[in-house]
Structure formats: C-alpha cells, structure tokens
Amino acid sequence: MAIKTRSYSVDGKHEMTVDEFKRWLKKFDEDKDGKISKDELADAIRVSGGWFARRKSKYGIRSVDANANGFVDDNEIKIFAEFAEKHLNVRILHLESDEFTIQITNGTTHKANVT
C-alpha cells in the first residue's frame, strides 16, 4: 500500500490533498470502524518508510486524539494531517474552494483565485 499521489515536492515529500490523504488513510482502517487505531497507524508509518512505527504511532495518537478515545477519527483528521507532514513524509495541500495552490520548484507557494 504505497502512497500514490500525483507529485512530489522539492524536498521529496509526497503531495496530496486532504481528501487524497483521507482515502489513503482509510486503506489502513482494518476493522472498517471509521477510526484509526494505534496499530493501524503503525502500519501506515511502516508503509510510508518510517522508522520506529510503534513509538511514532503511540505518540501520534496521543498528540492528535482530542477526545481521548484512543483513536484518530474524522473530527481529528486536520490535526492528524499536521502529524503526518512531520512523520509520514507527506505534504498536505490545503485547497480552499475559491483558490488553488501552486507549488513552484524552489518551494515557494502561490495562491490564485479561480474565476
């Protein structure tokens, strides 16, 4: 289950939108309960090439689990995206409805309005 995205950033991170990230993450939801457990997160970290998957998954759940239920659920995805950018070698492209983001090869980001 490799990360399949449309592009890579200058620093080699896989770029994906929030929706693409959610779809990728759902692949690891083994029990299909709509939540990501510590073990499911460890699998995602391993697949993305991360080291110390168990330790990072425990830290990841603890750091993003706002309701303290031991899982990452839909309400915590945006917080989890920040964790993923630091620990899963991905860059989440946050697109607003009336704007799109352009990543230039030198790493700068520009926004343009859609008319």
PDB file of N, CA and C in Angstrom:
ATOM      1  N   MET A   1       0.829  -1.187   0.000  1.00  0.00           N
ATOM      2  CA  MET A   1       0.000   0.000   0.000  1.00  0.00           C
ATOM      3  C   MET A   1       0.871   1.248   0.000  1.00  0.00           C
ATOM      4  N   ALA A   2       1.587   1.465  -1.022  1.00  0.00           N
ATOM      5  CA  ALA A   2       2.427   2.646  -1.114  1.00  0.00           C
ATOM      6  C   ALA A   2       1.565   3.887  -1.279  1.00  0.00           C
ATOM      7  N   ILE A   3       2.144   5.014  -0.929  1.00  0.00           N
ATOM      8  CA  ILE A   3       1.442   6.274  -1.113  1.00  0.00           C
ATOM      9  C   ILE A   3       1.475   6.602  -2.599  1.00  0.00           C
ATOM     10  N   LYS A   4       0.313   6.689  -3.212  1.00  0.00           N
ATOM     11  CA  LYS A   4       0.237   7.022  -4.628  1.00  0.00           C
ATOM     12  C   LYS A   4      -0.371   8.410  -4.745  1.00  0.00           C
ATOM     13  N   THR A   5       0.446   9.351  -5.147  1.00  0.00           N
ATOM     14  CA  THR A   5      -0.026  10.723  -5.298  1.00  0.00           C
ATOM     15  C   THR A   5       0.420  11.246  -6.640  1.00  0.00           C
ATOM     16  N   ARG A   6      -0.053  12.426  -6.944  1.00  0.00           N
ATOM     17  CA  ARG A   6       0.237  12.985  -8.258  1.00  0.00           C
ATOM     18  C   ARG A   6       1.619  13.597  -8.368  1.00  0.00           C
ATOM     19  N   SER A   7       2.248  13.999  -7.251  1.00  0.00           N
ATOM     20  CA  SER A   7       3.528  14.678  -7.368  1.00  0.00           C
ATOM     21  C   SER A   7       4.328  14.590  -6.079  1.00  0.00           C
ATOM     22  N   TYR A   8       5.571  15.011  -6.205  1.00  0.00           N
ATOM     23  CA  TYR A   8       6.470  15.097  -5.074  1.00  0.00           C
ATOM     24  C   TYR A   8       6.913  16.550  -4.948  1.00  0.00           C
ATOM     25  N   SER A   9       7.154  16.996  -3.736  1.00  0.00           N
ATOM     26  CA  SER A   9       7.644  18.352  -3.555  1.00  0.00           C
ATOM     27  C   SER A   9       9.157  18.363  -3.708  1.00  0.00           C
ATOM     28  N   VAL A  10       9.740  19.522  -3.644  1.00  0.00           N
ATOM     29  CA  VAL A  10      11.176  19.686  -3.817  1.00  0.00           C
ATOM     30  C   VAL A  10      11.940  18.873  -2.777  1.00  0.00           C
ATOM     31  N   ASP A  11      11.392  18.778  -1.573  1.00  0.00           N
ATOM     32  CA  ASP A  11      12.074  18.042  -0.507  1.00  0.00           C
ATOM     33  C   ASP A  11      11.786  16.545  -0.530  1.00  0.00           C
ATOM     34  N   GLY A  12      11.113  16.049  -1.584  1.00  0.00           N
ATOM     35  CA  GLY A  12      10.877  14.629  -1.746  1.00  0.00           C
ATOM     36  C   GLY A  12       9.634  14.089  -1.057  1.00  0.00           C
ATOM     37  N   LYS A  13       8.846  14.959  -0.444  1.00  0.00           N
ATOM     38  CA  LYS A  13       7.630  14.504   0.216  1.00  0.00           C
ATOM     39  C   LYS A  13       6.532  14.268  -0.808  1.00  0.00           C
ATOM     40  N   HIS A  14       5.690  13.290  -0.535  1.00  0.00           N
ATOM     41  CA  HIS A  14       4.540  13.011  -1.388  1.00  0.00           C
ATOM     42  C   HIS A  14       3.487  14.081  -1.147  1.00  0.00           C
ATOM     43  N   GLU A  15       3.021  14.710  -2.206  1.00  0.00           N
ATOM     44  CA  GLU A  15       1.998  15.751  -2.078  1.00  0.00           C
ATOM     45  C   GLU A  15       0.627  15.159  -2.330  1.00  0.00           C
ATOM     46  N   MET A  16      -0.330  15.513  -1.477  1.00  0.00           N
ATOM     47  CA  MET A  16      -1.701  15.070  -1.659  1.00  0.00           C
ATOM     48  C   MET A  16      -2.642  16.056  -0.997  1.00  0.00           C
ATOM     49  N   THR A  17      -3.848  16.080  -1.488  1.00  0.00           N
ATOM     50  CA  THR A  17      -4.866  16.929  -0.877  1.00  0.00           C
ATOM     51  C   THR A  17      -5.380  16.239   0.387  1.00  0.00           C
ATOM     52  N   VAL A  18      -6.167  16.950   1.168  1.00  0.00           N
ATOM     53  CA  VAL A  18      -6.749  16.375   2.377  1.00  0.00           C
ATOM     54  C   VAL A  18      -7.628  15.179   2.011  1.00  0.00           C
ATOM     55  N   ASP A  19      -8.414  15.292   0.928  1.00  0.00           N
ATOM     56  CA  ASP A  19      -9.269  14.181   0.506  1.00  0.00           C
ATOM     57  C   ASP A  19      -8.450  12.961   0.092  1.00  0.00           C
ATOM     58  N   GLU A  20      -7.366  13.177  -0.643  1.00  0.00           N
ATOM     59  CA  GLU A  20      -6.493  12.060  -1.018  1.00  0.00           C
ATOM     60  C   GLU A  20      -5.873  11.425   0.219  1.00  0.00           C
ATOM     61  N   PHE A  21      -5.481  12.262   1.177  1.00  0.00           N
ATOM     62  CA  PHE A  21      -4.908  11.759   2.421  1.00  0.00           C
ATOM     63  C   PHE A  21      -5.925  10.899   3.179  1.00  0.00           C
ATOM     64  N   LYS A  22      -7.176  11.346   3.244  1.00  0.00           N
ATOM     65  CA  LYS A  22      -8.228  10.571   3.924  1.00  0.00           C
ATOM     66  C   LYS A  22      -8.431   9.218   3.246  1.00  0.00           C
ATOM     67  N   ARG A  23      -8.460   9.222   1.904  1.00  0.00           N
ATOM     68  CA  ARG A  23      -8.644   7.962   1.169  1.00  0.00           C
ATOM     69  C   ARG A  23      -7.479   7.002   1.432  1.00  0.00           C
ATOM     70  N   TRP A  24      -6.254   7.538   1.432  1.00  0.00           N
ATOM     71  CA  TRP A  24      -5.072   6.713   1.702  1.00  0.00           C
ATOM     72  C   TRP A  24      -5.142   6.146   3.109  1.00  0.00           C
ATOM     73  N   LEU A  25      -5.511   6.970   4.065  1.00  0.00           N
ATOM     74  CA  LEU A  25      -5.572   6.547   5.457  1.00  0.00           C
ATOM     75  C   LEU A  25      -6.630   5.471   5.675  1.00  0.00           C
ATOM     76  N   LYS A  26      -7.738   5.555   4.960  1.00  0.00           N
ATOM     77  CA  LYS A  26      -8.815   4.559   5.102  1.00  0.00           C
ATOM     78  C   LYS A  26      -8.360   3.158   4.702  1.00  0.00           C
ATOM     79  N   LYS A  27      -7.335   3.069   3.870  1.00  0.00           N
ATOM     80  CA  LYS A  27      -6.813   1.759   3.489  1.00  0.00           C
ATOM     81  C   LYS A  27      -6.268   0.993   4.691  1.00  0.00           C
ATOM     82  N   PHE A  28      -5.889   1.714   5.738  1.00  0.00           N
ATOM     83  CA  PHE A  28      -5.309   1.088   6.920  1.00  0.00           C
ATOM     84  C   PHE A  28      -6.345   0.823   8.011  1.00  0.00           C
ATOM     85  N   ASP A  29      -7.570   1.230   7.787  1.00  0.00           N
ATOM     86  CA  ASP A  29      -8.658   1.005   8.745  1.00  0.00           C
ATOM     87  C   ASP A  29      -9.132  -0.441   8.592  1.00  0.00           C
ATOM     88  N   GLU A  30      -8.389  -1.360   9.201  1.00  0.00           N
ATOM     89  CA  GLU A  30      -8.615  -2.793   9.005  1.00  0.00           C
ATOM     90  C   GLU A  30      -9.997  -3.256   9.453  1.00  0.00           C
ATOM     91  N   ASP A  31     -10.502  -2.709  10.551  1.00  0.00           N
ATOM     92  CA  ASP A  31     -11.802  -3.158  11.049  1.00  0.00           C
ATOM     93  C   ASP A  31     -12.958  -2.316  10.512  1.00  0.00           C
ATOM     94  N   LYS A  32     -12.645  -1.372   9.629  1.00  0.00           N
ATOM     95  CA  LYS A  32     -13.656  -0.544   8.939  1.00  0.00           C
ATOM     96  C   LYS A  32     -14.611   0.174   9.905  1.00  0.00           C
ATOM     97  N   ASP A  33     -14.066   0.638  11.045  1.00  0.00           N
ATOM     98  CA  ASP A  33     -14.895   1.355  12.010  1.00  0.00           C
ATOM     99  C   ASP A  33     -14.849   2.868  11.811  1.00  0.00           C
ATOM    100  N   GLY A  34     -14.091   3.331  10.810  1.00  0.00           N
ATOM    101  CA  GLY A  34     -14.002   4.759  10.527  1.00  0.00           C
ATOM    102  C   GLY A  34     -13.013   5.494  11.403  1.00  0.00           C
ATOM    103  N   LYS A  35     -12.251   4.752  12.215  1.00  0.00           N
ATOM    104  CA  LYS A  35     -11.254   5.347  13.102  1.00  0.00           C
ATOM    105  C   LYS A  35      -9.927   4.634  12.880  1.00  0.00           C
ATOM    106  N   ILE A  36      -8.832   5.337  13.145  1.00  0.00           N
ATOM    107  CA  ILE A  36      -7.504   4.756  13.016  1.00  0.00           C
ATOM    108  C   ILE A  36      -6.957   4.482  14.414  1.00  0.00           C
ATOM    109  N   SER A  37      -6.629   3.224  14.664  1.00  0.00           N
ATOM    110  CA  SER A  37      -6.078   2.827  15.960  1.00  0.00           C
ATOM    111  C   SER A  37      -4.562   2.989  15.955  1.00  0.00           C
ATOM    112  N   LYS A  38      -3.953   2.776  17.100  1.00  0.00           N
ATOM    113  CA  LYS A  38      -2.501   2.860  17.220  1.00  0.00           C
ATOM    114  C   LYS A  38      -1.836   1.835  16.302  1.00  0.00           C
ATOM    115  N   ASP A  39      -2.351   0.604  16.242  1.00  0.00           N
ATOM    116  CA  ASP A  39      -1.763  -0.430  15.387  1.00  0.00           C
ATOM    117  C   ASP A  39      -1.951  -0.109  13.905  1.00  0.00           C
ATOM    118  N   GLU A  40      -3.116   0.419  13.547  1.00  0.00           N
ATOM    119  CA  GLU A  40      -3.361   0.798  12.154  1.00  0.00           C
ATOM    120  C   GLU A  40      -2.449   1.950  11.740  1.00  0.00           C
ATOM    121  N   LEU A  41      -2.222   2.885  12.652  1.00  0.00           N
ATOM    122  CA  LEU A  41      -1.305   3.993  12.369  1.00  0.00           C
ATOM    123  C   LEU A  41       0.122   3.481  12.221  1.00  0.00           C
ATOM    124  N   ALA A  42       0.505   2.503  13.033  1.00  0.00           N
ATOM    125  CA  ALA A  42       1.845   1.920  12.918  1.00  0.00           C
ATOM    126  C   ALA A  42       2.037   1.294  11.535  1.00  0.00           C
ATOM    127  N   ASP A  43       0.998   0.629  11.014  1.00  0.00           N
ATOM    128  CA  ASP A  43       1.075   0.069   9.659  1.00  0.00           C
ATOM    129  C   ASP A  43       1.283   1.167   8.622  1.00  0.00           C
ATOM    130  N   ALA A  44       0.568   2.273   8.756  1.00  0.00           N
ATOM    131  CA  ALA A  44       0.707   3.399   7.817  1.00  0.00           C
ATOM    132  C   ALA A  44       2.116   3.983   7.876  1.00  0.00           C
ATOM    133  N   ILE A  45       2.661   4.091   9.068  1.00  0.00           N
ATOM    134  CA  ILE A  45       4.019   4.627   9.220  1.00  0.00           C
ATOM    135  C   ILE A  45       5.034   3.687   8.577  1.00  0.00           C
ATOM    136  N   ARG A  46       4.880   2.387   8.788  1.00  0.00           N
ATOM    137  CA  ARG A  46       5.791   1.410   8.186  1.00  0.00           C
ATOM    138  C   ARG A  46       5.746   1.466   6.656  1.00  0.00           C
ATOM    139  N   VAL A  47       4.538   1.516   6.107  1.00  0.00           N
ATOM    140  CA  VAL A  47       4.367   1.524   4.653  1.00  0.00           C
ATOM    141  C   VAL A  47       4.971   2.781   4.040  1.00  0.00           C
ATOM    142  N   SER A  48       4.887   3.898   4.754  1.00  0.00           N
ATOM    143  CA  SER A  48       5.423   5.145   4.213  1.00  0.00           C
ATOM    144  C   SER A  48       6.935   5.258   4.405  1.00  0.00           C
ATOM    145  N   GLY A  49       7.556   4.204   4.929  1.00  0.00           N
ATOM    146  CA  GLY A  49       9.014   4.192   5.061  1.00  0.00           C
ATOM    147  C   GLY A  49       9.514   4.723   6.385  1.00  0.00           C
ATOM    148  N   GLY A  50       8.617   4.927   7.327  1.00  0.00           N
ATOM    149  CA  GLY A  50       9.018   5.470   8.622  1.00  0.00           C
ATOM    150  C   GLY A  50       9.628   4.436   9.542  1.00  0.00           C
ATOM    151  N   TRP A  51      10.520   4.889  10.384  1.00  0.00           N
ATOM    152  CA  TRP A  51      11.152   4.041  11.379  1.00  0.00           C
ATOM    153  C   TRP A  51      10.437   4.223  12.706  1.00  0.00           C
ATOM    154  N   PHE A  52      10.641   3.291  13.618  1.00  0.00           N
ATOM    155  CA  PHE A  52      10.067   3.350  14.968  1.00  0.00           C
ATOM    156  C   PHE A  52       8.547   3.515  14.914  1.00  0.00           C
ATOM    157  N   ALA A  53       7.916   2.699  14.084  1.00  0.00           N
ATOM    158  CA  ALA A  53       6.484   2.835  13.810  1.00  0.00           C
ATOM    159  C   ALA A  53       5.634   2.740  15.078  1.00  0.00           C
ATOM    160  N   ARG A  54       5.926   1.808  15.955  1.00  0.00           N
ATOM    161  CA  ARG A  54       5.116   1.659  17.169  1.00  0.00           C
ATOM    162  C   ARG A  54       5.233   2.891  18.059  1.00  0.00           C
ATOM    163  N   ARG A  55       6.456   3.376  18.236  1.00  0.00           N
ATOM    164  CA  ARG A  55       6.665   4.555  19.082  1.00  0.00           C
ATOM    165  C   ARG A  55       5.978   5.781  18.474  1.00  0.00           C
ATOM    166  N   LYS A  56       6.139   5.966  17.158  1.00  0.00           N
ATOM    167  CA  LYS A  56       5.523   7.121  16.497  1.00  0.00           C
ATOM    168  C   LYS A  56       4.005   7.026  16.502  1.00  0.00           C
ATOM    169  N   SER A  57       3.469   5.816  16.361  1.00  0.00           N
ATOM    170  CA  SER A  57       2.012   5.683  16.357  1.00  0.00           C
ATOM    171  C   SER A  57       1.440   5.992  17.736  1.00  0.00           C
ATOM    172  N   LYS A  58       2.115   5.546  18.771  1.00  0.00           N
ATOM    173  CA  LYS A  58       1.669   5.854  20.136  1.00  0.00           C
ATOM    174  C   LYS A  58       1.703   7.361  20.374  1.00  0.00           C
ATOM    175  N   TYR A  59       2.800   7.997  19.959  1.00  0.00           N
ATOM    176  CA  TYR A  59       2.924   9.454  20.091  1.00  0.00           C
ATOM    177  C   TYR A  59       1.877  10.167  19.230  1.00  0.00           C
ATOM    178  N   GLY A  60       1.665   9.661  18.021  1.00  0.00           N
ATOM    179  CA  GLY A  60       0.709  10.281  17.104  1.00  0.00           C
ATOM    180  C   GLY A  60      -0.701  10.268  17.656  1.00  0.00           C
ATOM    181  N   ILE A  61      -1.138   9.124  18.174  1.00  0.00           N
ATOM    182  CA  ILE A  61      -2.481   9.039  18.749  1.00  0.00           C
ATOM    183  C   ILE A  61      -2.592   9.985  19.938  1.00  0.00           C
ATOM    184  N   ARG A  62      -1.594   9.953  20.802  1.00  0.00           N
ATOM    185  CA  ARG A  62      -1.635  10.817  21.983  1.00  0.00           C
ATOM    186  C   ARG A  62      -1.676  12.300  21.611  1.00  0.00           C
ATOM    187  N   SER A  63      -0.955  12.681  20.562  1.00  0.00           N
ATOM    188  CA  SER A  63      -0.846  14.103  20.239  1.00  0.00           C
ATOM    189  C   SER A  63      -2.043  14.646  19.458  1.00  0.00           C
ATOM    190  N   VAL A  64      -2.815  13.797  18.776  1.00  0.00           N
ATOM    191  CA  VAL A  64      -3.934  14.306  17.966  1.00  0.00           C
ATOM    192  C   VAL A  64      -5.304  13.876  18.473  1.00  0.00           C
ATOM    193  N   ASP A  65      -5.351  12.996  19.434  1.00  0.00           N
ATOM    194  CA  ASP A  65      -6.620  12.447  19.919  1.00  0.00           C
ATOM    195  C   ASP A  65      -7.310  13.430  20.863  1.00  0.00           C
ATOM    196  N   ALA A  66      -8.047  14.365  20.293  1.00  0.00           N
ATOM    197  CA  ALA A  66      -8.673  15.450  21.069  1.00  0.00           C
ATOM    198  C   ALA A  66      -9.714  14.943  22.058  1.00  0.00           C
ATOM    199  N   ASN A  67     -10.448  13.877  21.714  1.00  0.00           N
ATOM    200  CA  ASN A  67     -11.495  13.376  22.608  1.00  0.00           C
ATOM    201  C   ASN A  67     -11.023  12.223  23.489  1.00  0.00           C
ATOM    202  N   ALA A  68      -9.744  11.902  23.428  1.00  0.00           N
ATOM    203  CA  ALA A  68      -9.103  10.898  24.287  1.00  0.00           C
ATOM    204  C   ALA A  68      -9.768   9.521  24.223  1.00  0.00           C
ATOM    205  N   ASN A  69     -10.230   9.111  23.024  1.00  0.00           N
ATOM    206  CA  ASN A  69     -10.834   7.790  22.888  1.00  0.00           C
ATOM    207  C   ASN A  69      -9.838   6.736  22.390  1.00  0.00           C
ATOM    208  N   GLY A  70      -8.590   7.155  22.160  1.00  0.00           N
ATOM    209  CA  GLY A  70      -7.562   6.212  21.732  1.00  0.00           C
ATOM    210  C   GLY A  70      -7.492   5.986  20.235  1.00  0.00           C
ATOM    211  N   PHE A  71      -8.238   6.770  19.468  1.00  0.00           N
ATOM    212  CA  PHE A  71      -8.284   6.629  18.009  1.00  0.00           C
ATOM    213  C   PHE A  71      -8.206   7.996  17.354  1.00  0.00           C
ATOM    214  N   VAL A  72      -7.868   7.991  16.060  1.00  0.00           N
ATOM    215  CA  VAL A  72      -7.989   9.186  15.232  1.00  0.00           C
ATOM    216  C   VAL A  72      -9.261   9.009  14.420  1.00  0.00           C
ATOM    217  N   ASP A  73     -10.213   9.925  14.593  1.00  0.00           N
ATOM    218  CA  ASP A  73     -11.461   9.839  13.841  1.00  0.00           C
ATOM    219  C   ASP A  73     -11.586  11.041  12.915  1.00  0.00           C
ATOM    220  N   ASP A  74     -12.686  11.129  12.188  1.00  0.00           N
ATOM    221  CA  ASP A  74     -12.868  12.184  11.183  1.00  0.00           C
ATOM    222  C   ASP A  74     -12.720  13.591  11.755  1.00  0.00           C
ATOM    223  N   ASN A  75     -13.141  13.799  12.983  1.00  0.00           N
ATOM    224  CA  ASN A  75     -13.046  15.130  13.589  1.00  0.00           C
ATOM    225  C   ASN A  75     -11.609  15.533  13.875  1.00  0.00           C
ATOM    226  N   GLU A  76     -10.697  14.578  13.882  1.00  0.00           N
ATOM    227  CA  GLU A  76      -9.298  14.854  14.219  1.00  0.00           C
ATOM    228  C   GLU A  76      -8.365  14.770  13.012  1.00  0.00           C
ATOM    229  N   ILE A  77      -8.921  14.615  11.823  1.00  0.00           N
ATOM    230  CA  ILE A  77      -8.107  14.437  10.620  1.00  0.00           C
ATOM    231  C   ILE A  77      -7.222  15.642  10.331  1.00  0.00           C
ATOM    232  N   LYS A  78      -7.754  16.851  10.493  1.00  0.00           N
ATOM    233  CA  LYS A  78      -6.937  18.036  10.188  1.00  0.00           C
ATOM    234  C   LYS A  78      -5.734  18.123  11.121  1.00  0.00           C
ATOM    235  N   ILE A  79      -5.939  17.799  12.393  1.00  0.00           N
ATOM    236  CA  ILE A  79      -4.818  17.782  13.344  1.00  0.00           C
ATOM    237  C   ILE A  79      -3.847  16.666  12.953  1.00  0.00           C
ATOM    238  N   PHE A  80      -4.410  15.524  12.555  1.00  0.00           N
ATOM    239  CA  PHE A  80      -3.581  14.399  12.169  1.00  0.00           C
ATOM    240  C   PHE A  80      -2.768  14.699  10.912  1.00  0.00           C
ATOM    241  N   ALA A  81      -3.298  15.500  10.014  1.00  0.00           N
ATOM    242  CA  ALA A  81      -2.562  15.874   8.799  1.00  0.00           C
ATOM    243  C   ALA A  81      -1.262  16.588   9.163  1.00  0.00           C
ATOM    244  N   GLU A  82      -1.284  17.404  10.203  1.00  0.00           N
ATOM    245  CA  GLU A  82      -0.065  18.084  10.664  1.00  0.00           C
ATOM    246  C   GLU A  82       0.953  17.065  11.162  1.00  0.00           C
ATOM    247  N   PHE A  83       0.481  16.071  11.912  1.00  0.00           N
ATOM    248  CA  PHE A  83       1.362  14.999  12.374  1.00  0.00           C
ATOM    249  C   PHE A  83       1.953  14.260  11.176  1.00  0.00           C
ATOM    250  N   ALA A  84       1.124  13.957  10.189  1.00  0.00           N
ATOM    251  CA  ALA A  84       1.561  13.211   9.014  1.00  0.00           C
ATOM    252  C   ALA A  84       2.635  13.966   8.237  1.00  0.00           C
ATOM    253  N   GLU A  85       2.507  15.282   8.157  1.00  0.00           N
ATOM    254  CA  GLU A  85       3.517  16.059   7.445  1.00  0.00           C
ATOM    255  C   GLU A  85       4.876  15.953   8.134  1.00  0.00           C
ATOM    256  N   LYS A  86       4.870  15.816   9.437  1.00  0.00           N
ATOM    257  CA  LYS A  86       6.130  15.712  10.177  1.00  0.00           C
ATOM    258  C   LYS A  86       6.691  14.299  10.202  1.00  0.00           C
ATOM    259  N   HIS A  87       5.812  13.284  10.223  1.00  0.00           N
ATOM    260  CA  HIS A  87       6.275  11.928  10.492  1.00  0.00           C
ATOM    261  C   HIS A  87       5.991  10.899   9.412  1.00  0.00           C
ATOM    262  N   LEU A  88       5.194  11.215   8.399  1.00  0.00           N
ATOM    263  CA  LEU A  88       4.851  10.236   7.363  1.00  0.00           C
ATOM    264  C   LEU A  88       5.363  10.607   5.981  1.00  0.00           C
ATOM    265  N   ASN A  89       6.229  11.603   5.895  1.00  0.00           N
ATOM    266  CA  ASN A  89       6.848  12.000   4.632  1.00  0.00           C
ATOM    267  C   ASN A  89       5.815  12.416   3.584  1.00  0.00           C
ATOM    268  N   VAL A  90       4.793  13.163   4.015  1.00  0.00           N
ATOM    269  CA  VAL A  90       3.789  13.682   3.087  1.00  0.00           C
ATOM    270  C   VAL A  90       3.656  15.190   3.269  1.00  0.00           C
ATOM    271  N   ARG A  91       3.158  15.833   2.256  1.00  0.00           N
ATOM    272  CA  ARG A  91       2.799  17.252   2.334  1.00  0.00           C
ATOM    273  C   ARG A  91       1.336  17.335   1.944  1.00  0.00           C
ATOM    274  N   ILE A  92       0.533  17.886   2.843  1.00  0.00           N
ATOM    275  CA  ILE A  92      -0.894  18.008   2.603  1.00  0.00           C
ATOM    276  C   ILE A  92      -1.148  19.373   1.966  1.00  0.00           C
ATOM    277  N   LEU A  93      -1.768  19.343   0.796  1.00  0.00           N
ATOM    278  CA  LEU A  93      -2.115  20.581   0.106  1.00  0.00           C
ATOM    279  C   LEU A  93      -3.499  20.996   0.574  1.00  0.00           C
ATOM    280  N   HIS A  94      -3.565  22.115   1.241  1.00  0.00           N
ATOM    281  CA  HIS A  94      -4.834  22.631   1.756  1.00  0.00           C
ATOM    282  C   HIS A  94      -5.420  23.558   0.706  1.00  0.00           C
ATOM    283  N   LEU A  95      -6.476  23.131   0.059  1.00  0.00           N
ATOM    284  CA  LEU A  95      -7.087  23.900  -1.012  1.00  0.00           C
ATOM    285  C   LEU A  95      -8.403  24.488  -0.542  1.00  0.00           C
ATOM    286  N   GLU A  96      -8.539  25.786  -0.682  1.00  0.00           N
ATOM    287  CA  GLU A  96      -9.799  26.438  -0.382  1.00  0.00           C
ATOM    288  C   GLU A  96     -10.702  26.342  -1.604  1.00  0.00           C
ATOM    289  N   SER A  97     -11.989  26.522  -1.425  1.00  0.00           N
ATOM    290  CA  SER A  97     -12.932  26.323  -2.517  1.00  0.00           C
ATOM    291  C   SER A  97     -12.750  27.320  -3.657  1.00  0.00           C
ATOM    292  N   ASP A  98     -12.342  28.548  -3.372  1.00  0.00           N
ATOM    293  CA  ASP A  98     -12.215  29.534  -4.439  1.00  0.00           C
ATOM    294  C   ASP A  98     -10.761  29.845  -4.784  1.00  0.00           C
ATOM    295  N   GLU A  99      -9.841  29.028  -4.299  1.00  0.00           N
ATOM    296  CA  GLU A  99      -8.433  29.243  -4.588  1.00  0.00           C
ATOM    297  C   GLU A  99      -7.783  27.911  -4.928  1.00  0.00           C
ATOM    298  N   PHE A 100      -6.663  27.982  -5.605  1.00  0.00           N
ATOM    299  CA  PHE A 100      -5.871  26.784  -5.773  1.00  0.00           C
ATOM    300  C   PHE A 100      -4.430  27.143  -5.460  1.00  0.00           C
ATOM    301  N   THR A 101      -3.647  26.158  -5.065  1.00  0.00           N
ATOM    302  CA  THR A 101      -2.276  26.378  -4.654  1.00  0.00           C
ATOM    303  C   THR A 101      -1.338  25.879  -5.738  1.00  0.00           C
ATOM    304  N   ILE A 102      -0.326  26.669  -6.013  1.00  0.00           N
ATOM    305  CA  ILE A 102       0.679  26.296  -6.995  1.00  0.00           C
ATOM    306  C   ILE A 102       2.004  26.187  -6.255  1.00  0.00           C
ATOM    307  N   GLN A 103       2.650  25.034  -6.357  1.00  0.00           N
ATOM    308  CA  GLN A 103       3.960  24.867  -5.760  1.00  0.00           C
ATOM    309  C   GLN A 103       5.014  25.076  -6.853  1.00  0.00           C
ATOM    310  N   ILE A 104       5.844  26.056  -6.668  1.00  0.00           N
ATOM    311  CA  ILE A 104       6.914  26.354  -7.609  1.00  0.00           C
ATOM    312  C   ILE A 104       8.127  25.509  -7.223  1.00  0.00           C
ATOM    313  N   THR A 105       8.990  25.189  -8.177  1.00  0.00           N
ATOM    314  CA  THR A 105      10.088  24.264  -7.910  1.00  0.00           C
ATOM    315  C   THR A 105      11.040  24.734  -6.817  1.00  0.00           C
ATOM    316  N   ASN A 106      11.122  26.016  -6.533  1.00  0.00           N
ATOM    317  CA  ASN A 106      12.012  26.458  -5.464  1.00  0.00           C
ATOM    318  C   ASN A 106      11.360  26.338  -4.088  1.00  0.00           C
ATOM    319  N   GLY A 107      10.134  25.789  -4.036  1.00  0.00           N
ATOM    320  CA  GLY A 107       9.485  25.536  -2.768  1.00  0.00           C
ATOM    321  C   GLY A 107       8.500  26.605  -2.319  1.00  0.00           C
ATOM    322  N   THR A 108       8.439  27.727  -3.024  1.00  0.00           N
ATOM    323  CA  THR A 108       7.507  28.761  -2.631  1.00  0.00           C
ATOM    324  C   THR A 108       6.094  28.376  -3.058  1.00  0.00           C
ATOM    325  N   THR A 109       5.123  28.854  -2.325  1.00  0.00           N
ATOM    326  CA  THR A 109       3.732  28.550  -2.619  1.00  0.00           C
ATOM    327  C   THR A 109       3.005  29.821  -3.004  1.00  0.00           C
ATOM    328  N   HIS A 110       2.226  29.757  -4.056  1.00  0.00           N
ATOM    329  CA  HIS A 110       1.445  30.900  -4.502  1.00  0.00           C
ATOM    330  C   HIS A 110      -0.006  30.482  -4.581  1.00  0.00           C
ATOM    331  N   LYS A 111      -0.903  31.384  -4.245  1.00  0.00           N
ATOM    332  CA  LYS A 111      -2.335  31.109  -4.362  1.00  0.00           C
ATOM    333  C   LYS A 111      -2.912  32.002  -5.434  1.00  0.00           C
ATOM    334  N   ALA A 112      -3.866  31.465  -6.169  1.00  0.00           N
ATOM    335  CA  ALA A 112      -4.533  32.240  -7.203  1.00  0.00           C
ATOM    336  C   ALA A 112      -6.030  32.022  -7.080  1.00  0.00           C
ATOM    337  N   ASN A 113      -6.785  33.051  -7.345  1.00  0.00           N
ATOM    338  CA  ASN A 113      -8.245  32.936  -7.302  1.00  0.00           C
ATOM    339  C   ASN A 113      -8.766  32.271  -8.563  1.00  0.00           C
ATOM    340  N   VAL A 114      -9.788  31.474  -8.420  1.00  0.00           N
ATOM    341  CA  VAL A 114     -10.440  30.821  -9.551  1.00  0.00           C
ATOM    342  C   VAL A 114     -11.629  31.688  -9.925  1.00  0.00           C
ATOM    343  N   THR A 115     -11.722  32.061 -11.195  1.00  0.00           N
ATOM    344  CA  THR A 115     -12.845  32.898 -11.619  1.00  0.00           C
ATOM    345  C   THR A 115     -13.784  32.144 -12.506  1.00  0.00           C
TER     346      THR A 115
END
